[in-house]
Amino acid sequence: MVIRMRHTRAHTGKRRSHHAIKGKTLTTDTQTKSTHVRHRLDLKTGKYRGKKILDVVKKLVSKKEEKDA
């Protein structure tokens, strides 16, 4: 049978110190000065790493058309 080692509160607290939830890291776009979550598409401009990925205006127009219909 295994003999269990005792752990003090300090030992447990040191182990759990890495369990804290960290805040999201934000990045500021150099051209538009808008902030977005790192490694994600900027929803205001529709760009990721300087390349246009999403046409934001087209998406807004299609949403408005769906809402009106």
PDB file of N, CA and C in Angstrom:
ATOM      1  N   MET A   1       0.839  -1.177   0.000  1.00  0.00           N
ATOM      2  CA  MET A   1       0.000   0.000   0.000  1.00  0.00           C
ATOM      3  C   MET A   1       0.888   1.246   0.000  1.00  0.00           C
ATOM      4  N   VAL A   2       0.455   2.261  -0.745  1.00  0.00           N
ATOM      5  CA  VAL A   2       1.238   3.482  -0.900  1.00  0.00           C
ATOM      6  C   VAL A   2       1.075   4.373   0.321  1.00  0.00           C
ATOM      7  N   ILE A   3       2.190   4.909   0.797  1.00  0.00           N
ATOM      8  CA  ILE A   3       2.144   5.865   1.897  1.00  0.00           C
ATOM      9  C   ILE A   3       1.993   7.247   1.280  1.00  0.00           C
ATOM     10  N   ARG A   4       0.915   7.912   1.600  1.00  0.00           N
ATOM     11  CA  ARG A   4       0.641   9.226   1.008  1.00  0.00           C
ATOM     12  C   ARG A   4       1.453  10.288   1.722  1.00  0.00           C
ATOM     13  N   MET A   5       2.049  11.164   0.920  1.00  0.00           N
ATOM     14  CA  MET A   5       2.820  12.274   1.503  1.00  0.00           C
ATOM     15  C   MET A   5       1.857  13.411   1.833  1.00  0.00           C
ATOM     16  N   ARG A   6       2.161  14.094   2.894  1.00  0.00           N
ATOM     17  CA  ARG A   6       1.326  15.217   3.281  1.00  0.00           C
ATOM     18  C   ARG A   6       1.775  16.466   2.531  1.00  0.00           C
ATOM     19  N   HIS A   7       0.813  17.267   2.136  1.00  0.00           N
ATOM     20  CA  HIS A   7       1.113  18.525   1.458  1.00  0.00           C
ATOM     21  C   HIS A   7       0.577  19.666   2.297  1.00  0.00           C
ATOM     22  N   THR A   8       1.412  20.635   2.539  1.00  0.00           N
ATOM     23  CA  THR A   8       0.977  21.796   3.310  1.00  0.00           C
ATOM     24  C   THR A   8       0.173  22.723   2.406  1.00  0.00           C
ATOM     25  N   ARG A   9      -0.458  23.712   3.013  1.00  0.00           N
ATOM     26  CA  ARG A   9      -1.208  24.688   2.229  1.00  0.00           C
ATOM     27  C   ARG A   9      -0.284  25.460   1.299  1.00  0.00           C
ATOM     28  N   ALA A  10       0.920  25.727   1.755  1.00  0.00           N
ATOM     29  CA  ALA A  10       1.877  26.462   0.928  1.00  0.00           C
ATOM     30  C   ALA A  10       2.248  25.657  -0.318  1.00  0.00           C
ATOM     31  N   HIS A  11       2.463  24.371  -0.140  1.00  0.00           N
ATOM     32  CA  HIS A  11       2.812  23.518  -1.280  1.00  0.00           C
ATOM     33  C   HIS A  11       1.658  23.483  -2.284  1.00  0.00           C
ATOM     34  N   THR A  12       0.436  23.343  -1.775  1.00  0.00           N
ATOM     35  CA  THR A  12      -0.721  23.306  -2.645  1.00  0.00           C
ATOM     36  C   THR A  12      -0.910  24.647  -3.343  1.00  0.00           C
ATOM     37  N   GLY A  13      -0.712  25.731  -2.610  1.00  0.00           N
ATOM     38  CA  GLY A  13      -0.872  27.067  -3.188  1.00  0.00           C
ATOM     39  C   GLY A  13       0.141  27.364  -4.278  1.00  0.00           C
ATOM     40  N   LYS A  14       1.370  26.897  -4.079  1.00  0.00           N
ATOM     41  CA  LYS A  14       2.398  27.097  -5.099  1.00  0.00           C
ATOM     42  C   LYS A  14       2.050  26.347  -6.383  1.00  0.00           C
ATOM     43  N   ARG A  15       1.511  25.167  -6.236  1.00  0.00           N
ATOM     44  CA  ARG A  15       1.119  24.393  -7.411  1.00  0.00           C
ATOM     45  C   ARG A  15      -0.048  25.056  -8.127  1.00  0.00           C
ATOM     46  N   ARG A  16      -0.994  25.577  -7.367  1.00  0.00           N
ATOM     47  CA  ARG A  16      -2.190  26.178  -7.953  1.00  0.00           C
ATOM     48  C   ARG A  16      -1.971  27.611  -8.429  1.00  0.00           C
ATOM     49  N   SER A  17      -0.818  28.173  -8.180  1.00  0.00           N
ATOM     50  CA  SER A  17      -0.578  29.556  -8.585  1.00  0.00           C
ATOM     51  C   SER A  17      -0.605  29.714 -10.099  1.00  0.00           C
ATOM     52  N   HIS A  18      -0.401  28.639 -10.824  1.00  0.00           N
ATOM     53  CA  HIS A  18      -0.417  28.681 -12.285  1.00  0.00           C
ATOM     54  C   HIS A  18      -1.803  28.427 -12.856  1.00  0.00           C
ATOM     55  N   HIS A  19      -2.780  28.204 -12.009  1.00  0.00           N
ATOM     56  CA  HIS A  19      -4.124  27.899 -12.475  1.00  0.00           C
ATOM     57  C   HIS A  19      -4.961  29.146 -12.706  1.00  0.00           C
ATOM     58  N   ALA A  20      -4.435  30.319 -12.403  1.00  0.00           N
ATOM     59  CA  ALA A  20      -5.196  31.552 -12.537  1.00  0.00           C
ATOM     60  C   ALA A  20      -5.516  31.815 -14.007  1.00  0.00           C
ATOM     61  N   ILE A  21      -6.692  32.384 -14.247  1.00  0.00           N
ATOM     62  CA  ILE A  21      -7.098  32.718 -15.607  1.00  0.00           C
ATOM     63  C   ILE A  21      -6.415  34.020 -15.999  1.00  0.00           C
ATOM     64  N   LYS A  22      -5.755  33.991 -17.125  1.00  0.00           N
ATOM     65  CA  LYS A  22      -5.055  35.172 -17.602  1.00  0.00           C
ATOM     66  C   LYS A  22      -5.956  35.919 -18.571  1.00  0.00           C
ATOM     67  N   GLY A  23      -5.796  37.235 -18.600  1.00  0.00           N
ATOM     68  CA  GLY A  23      -6.580  38.049 -19.513  1.00  0.00           C
ATOM     69  C   GLY A  23      -6.121  37.868 -20.944  1.00  0.00           C
ATOM     70  N   LYS A  24      -6.970  38.246 -21.873  1.00  0.00           N
ATOM     71  CA  LYS A  24      -6.632  38.131 -23.284  1.00  0.00           C
ATOM     72  C   LYS A  24      -5.585  39.174 -23.652  1.00  0.00           C
ATOM     73  N   THR A  25      -4.668  38.792 -24.509  1.00  0.00           N
ATOM     74  CA  THR A  25      -3.633  39.700 -24.967  1.00  0.00           C
ATOM     75  C   THR A  25      -4.146  40.425 -26.201  1.00  0.00           C
ATOM     76  N   LEU A  26      -4.153  41.748 -26.146  1.00  0.00           N
ATOM     77  CA  LEU A  26      -4.652  42.545 -27.248  1.00  0.00           C
ATOM     78  C   LEU A  26      -3.500  43.099 -28.065  1.00  0.00           C
ATOM     79  N   THR A  27      -3.734  43.246 -29.351  1.00  0.00           N
ATOM     80  CA  THR A  27      -2.755  43.793 -30.270  1.00  0.00           C
ATOM     81  C   THR A  27      -3.353  45.033 -30.911  1.00  0.00           C
ATOM     82  N   THR A  28      -2.539  46.065 -31.092  1.00  0.00           N
ATOM     83  CA  THR A  28      -2.973  47.281 -31.763  1.00  0.00           C
ATOM     84  C   THR A  28      -2.471  47.259 -33.197  1.00  0.00           C
ATOM     85  N   ASP A  29      -3.384  47.465 -34.134  1.00  0.00           N
ATOM     86  CA  ASP A  29      -3.020  47.503 -35.548  1.00  0.00           C
ATOM     87  C   ASP A  29      -2.222  48.777 -35.810  1.00  0.00           C
ATOM     88  N   THR A  30      -1.133  48.664 -36.541  1.00  0.00           N
ATOM     89  CA  THR A  30      -0.262  49.822 -36.762  1.00  0.00           C
ATOM     90  C   THR A  30      -0.874  50.841 -37.707  1.00  0.00           C
ATOM     91  N   GLN A  31      -1.706  50.396 -38.647  1.00  0.00           N
ATOM     92  CA  GLN A  31      -2.277  51.331 -39.609  1.00  0.00           C
ATOM     93  C   GLN A  31      -3.559  51.976 -39.109  1.00  0.00           C
ATOM     94  N   THR A  32      -4.484  51.190 -38.584  1.00  0.00           N
ATOM     95  CA  THR A  32      -5.790  51.719 -38.186  1.00  0.00           C
ATOM     96  C   THR A  32      -5.877  52.042 -36.700  1.00  0.00           C
ATOM     97  N   LYS A  33      -4.895  51.633 -35.914  1.00  0.00           N
ATOM     98  CA  LYS A  33      -4.851  51.859 -34.461  1.00  0.00           C
ATOM     99  C   LYS A  33      -6.013  51.204 -33.721  1.00  0.00           C
ATOM    100  N   SER A  34      -6.628  50.187 -34.315  1.00  0.00           N
ATOM    101  CA  SER A  34      -7.703  49.467 -33.636  1.00  0.00           C
ATOM    102  C   SER A  34      -7.106  48.265 -32.912  1.00  0.00           C
ATOM    103  N   THR A  35      -7.750  47.866 -31.820  1.00  0.00           N
ATOM    104  CA  THR A  35      -7.247  46.738 -31.035  1.00  0.00           C
ATOM    105  C   THR A  35      -8.063  45.492 -31.338  1.00  0.00           C
ATOM    106  N   HIS A  36      -7.392  44.340 -31.292  1.00  0.00           N
ATOM    107  CA  HIS A  36      -8.059  43.062 -31.493  1.00  0.00           C
ATOM    108  C   HIS A  36      -7.277  41.992 -30.752  1.00  0.00           C
ATOM    109  N   VAL A  37      -7.915  40.845 -30.558  1.00  0.00           N
ATOM    110  CA  VAL A  37      -7.288  39.732 -29.870  1.00  0.00           C
ATOM    111  C   VAL A  37      -6.201  39.154 -30.780  1.00  0.00           C
ATOM    112  N   ARG A  38      -5.075  38.789 -30.201  1.00  0.00           N
ATOM    113  CA  ARG A  38      -3.957  38.266 -30.998  1.00  0.00           C
ATOM    114  C   ARG A  38      -4.349  36.985 -31.732  1.00  0.00           C
ATOM    115  N   HIS A  39      -3.798  36.810 -32.919  1.00  0.00           N
ATOM    116  CA  HIS A  39      -4.012  35.641 -33.762  1.00  0.00           C
ATOM    117  C   HIS A  39      -5.474  35.476 -34.162  1.00  0.00           C
ATOM    118  N   ARG A  40      -6.201  36.586 -34.215  1.00  0.00           N
ATOM    119  CA  ARG A  40      -7.595  36.581 -34.651  1.00  0.00           C
ATOM    120  C   ARG A  40      -7.794  37.691 -35.674  1.00  0.00           C
ATOM    121  N   LEU A  41      -8.829  37.567 -36.453  1.00  0.00           N
ATOM    122  CA  LEU A  41      -9.195  38.546 -37.450  1.00  0.00           C
ATOM    123  C   LEU A  41      -9.697  39.808 -36.766  1.00  0.00           C
ATOM    124  N   ASP A  42      -9.308  40.974 -37.279  1.00  0.00           N
ATOM    125  CA  ASP A  42      -9.810  42.244 -36.763  1.00  0.00           C
ATOM    126  C   ASP A  42     -11.174  42.474 -37.396  1.00  0.00           C
ATOM    127  N   LEU A  43     -12.243  42.446 -36.608  1.00  0.00           N
ATOM    128  CA  LEU A  43     -13.591  42.534 -37.146  1.00  0.00           C
ATOM    129  C   LEU A  43     -13.940  43.924 -37.662  1.00  0.00           C
ATOM    130  N   LYS A  44     -13.216  44.951 -37.227  1.00  0.00           N
ATOM    131  CA  LYS A  44     -13.498  46.308 -37.706  1.00  0.00           C
ATOM    132  C   LYS A  44     -12.985  46.512 -39.126  1.00  0.00           C
ATOM    133  N   THR A  45     -11.831  45.952 -39.429  1.00  0.00           N
ATOM    134  CA  THR A  45     -11.228  46.145 -40.748  1.00  0.00           C
ATOM    135  C   THR A  45     -11.356  44.921 -41.643  1.00  0.00           C
ATOM    136  N   GLY A  46     -11.524  43.743 -41.066  1.00  0.00           N
ATOM    137  CA  GLY A  46     -11.610  42.516 -41.851  1.00  0.00           C
ATOM    138  C   GLY A  46     -10.255  42.015 -42.303  1.00  0.00           C
ATOM    139  N   LYS A  47      -9.187  42.475 -41.650  1.00  0.00           N
ATOM    140  CA  LYS A  47      -7.839  42.084 -42.046  1.00  0.00           C
ATOM    141  C   LYS A  47      -7.194  41.204 -40.990  1.00  0.00           C
ATOM    142  N   TYR A  48      -6.271  40.359 -41.462  1.00  0.00           N
ATOM    143  CA  TYR A  48      -5.444  39.543 -40.580  1.00  0.00           C
ATOM    144  C   TYR A  48      -4.034  39.559 -41.144  1.00  0.00           C
ATOM    145  N   ARG A  49      -3.081  39.998 -40.354  1.00  0.00           N
ATOM    146  CA  ARG A  49      -1.676  40.104 -40.742  1.00  0.00           C
ATOM    147  C   ARG A  49      -1.499  40.901 -42.037  1.00  0.00           C
ATOM    148  N   GLY A  50      -2.291  41.988 -42.176  1.00  0.00           N
ATOM    149  CA  GLY A  50      -2.150  42.879 -43.313  1.00  0.00           C
ATOM    150  C   GLY A  50      -2.887  42.454 -44.563  1.00  0.00           C
ATOM    151  N   LYS A  51      -3.537  41.293 -44.534  1.00  0.00           N
ATOM    152  CA  LYS A  51      -4.267  40.811 -45.709  1.00  0.00           C
ATOM    153  C   LYS A  51      -5.763  40.899 -45.457  1.00  0.00           C
ATOM    154  N   LYS A  52      -6.505  41.346 -46.461  1.00  0.00           N
ATOM    155  CA  LYS A  52      -7.956  41.445 -46.338  1.00  0.00           C
ATOM    156  C   LYS A  52      -8.557  40.048 -46.453  1.00  0.00           C
ATOM    157  N   ILE A  53      -9.220  39.613 -45.403  1.00  0.00           N
ATOM    158  CA  ILE A  53      -9.794  38.282 -45.344  1.00  0.00           C
ATOM    159  C   ILE A  53     -11.318  38.345 -45.461  1.00  0.00           C
ATOM    160  N   LEU A  54     -11.912  39.349 -44.833  1.00  0.00           N
ATOM    161  CA  LEU A  54     -13.361  39.434 -44.732  1.00  0.00           C
ATOM    162  C   LEU A  54     -13.814  40.794 -45.231  1.00  0.00           C
ATOM    163  N   ASP A  55     -14.829  40.811 -46.103  1.00  0.00           N
ATOM    164  CA  ASP A  55     -15.392  42.073 -46.565  1.00  0.00           C
ATOM    165  C   ASP A  55     -16.468  42.481 -45.558  1.00  0.00           C
ATOM    166  N   VAL A  56     -16.136  43.420 -44.678  1.00  0.00           N
ATOM    167  CA  VAL A  56     -17.005  43.801 -43.567  1.00  0.00           C
ATOM    168  C   VAL A  56     -18.266  44.488 -44.084  1.00  0.00           C
ATOM    169  N   VAL A  57     -18.138  45.365 -45.080  1.00  0.00           N
ATOM    170  CA  VAL A  57     -19.291  46.101 -45.608  1.00  0.00           C
ATOM    171  C   VAL A  57     -20.291  45.136 -46.244  1.00  0.00           C
ATOM    172  N   LYS A  58     -19.786  44.186 -47.005  1.00  0.00           N
ATOM    173  CA  LYS A  58     -20.655  43.207 -47.657  1.00  0.00           C
ATOM    174  C   LYS A  58     -21.416  42.387 -46.621  1.00  0.00           C
ATOM    175  N   LYS A  59     -20.737  42.033 -45.533  1.00  0.00           N
ATOM    176  CA  LYS A  59     -21.365  41.243 -44.479  1.00  0.00           C
ATOM    177  C   LYS A  59     -22.465  42.045 -43.784  1.00  0.00           C
ATOM    178  N   LEU A  60     -22.219  43.338 -43.531  1.00  0.00           N
ATOM    179  CA  LEU A  60     -23.225  44.178 -42.890  1.00  0.00           C
ATOM    180  C   LEU A  60     -24.455  44.336 -43.778  1.00  0.00           C
ATOM    181  N   VAL A  61     -24.232  44.510 -45.089  1.00  0.00           N
ATOM    182  CA  VAL A  61     -25.344  44.664 -46.023  1.00  0.00           C
ATOM    183  C   VAL A  61     -26.183  43.397 -46.072  1.00  0.00           C
ATOM    184  N   SER A  62     -25.529  42.236 -46.111  1.00  0.00           N
ATOM    185  CA  SER A  62     -26.274  40.977 -46.162  1.00  0.00           C
ATOM    186  C   SER A  62     -27.044  40.731 -44.866  1.00  0.00           C
ATOM    187  N   LYS A  63     -26.478  41.135 -43.718  1.00  0.00           N
ATOM    188  CA  LYS A  63     -27.196  40.989 -42.449  1.00  0.00           C
ATOM    189  C   LYS A  63     -28.433  41.873 -42.424  1.00  0.00           C
ATOM    190  N   LYS A  64     -28.278  43.108 -42.961  1.00  0.00           N
ATOM    191  CA  LYS A  64     -29.410  44.033 -42.971  1.00  0.00           C
ATOM    192  C   LYS A  64     -30.511  43.504 -43.885  1.00  0.00           C
ATOM    193  N   GLU A  65     -30.151  42.931 -45.027  1.00  0.00           N
ATOM    194  CA  GLU A  65     -31.127  42.367 -45.952  1.00  0.00           C
ATOM    195  C   GLU A  65     -31.861  41.194 -45.310  1.00  0.00           C
ATOM    196  N   GLU A  66     -31.142  40.356 -44.559  1.00  0.00           N
ATOM    197  CA  GLU A  66     -31.780  39.234 -43.873  1.00  0.00           C
ATOM    198  C   GLU A  66     -32.766  39.717 -42.818  1.00  0.00           C
ATOM    199  N   LYS A  67     -32.381  40.802 -42.144  1.00  0.00           N
ATOM    200  CA  LYS A  67     -33.227  41.347 -41.080  1.00  0.00           C
ATOM    201  C   LYS A  67     -34.498  41.939 -41.664  1.00  0.00           C
ATOM    202  N   ASP A  68     -34.390  42.623 -42.813  1.00  0.00           N
ATOM    203  CA  ASP A  68     -35.546  43.252 -43.444  1.00  0.00           C
ATOM    204  C   ASP A  68     -36.503  42.229 -44.047  1.00  0.00           C
ATOM    205  N   ALA A  69     -35.992  41.108 -44.483  1.00  0.00           N
ATOM    206  CA  ALA A  69     -36.829  40.106 -45.159  1.00  0.00           C
ATOM    207  C   ALA A  69     -37.675  39.317 -44.190  1.00  0.00           C
TER     208      ALA A  69
END
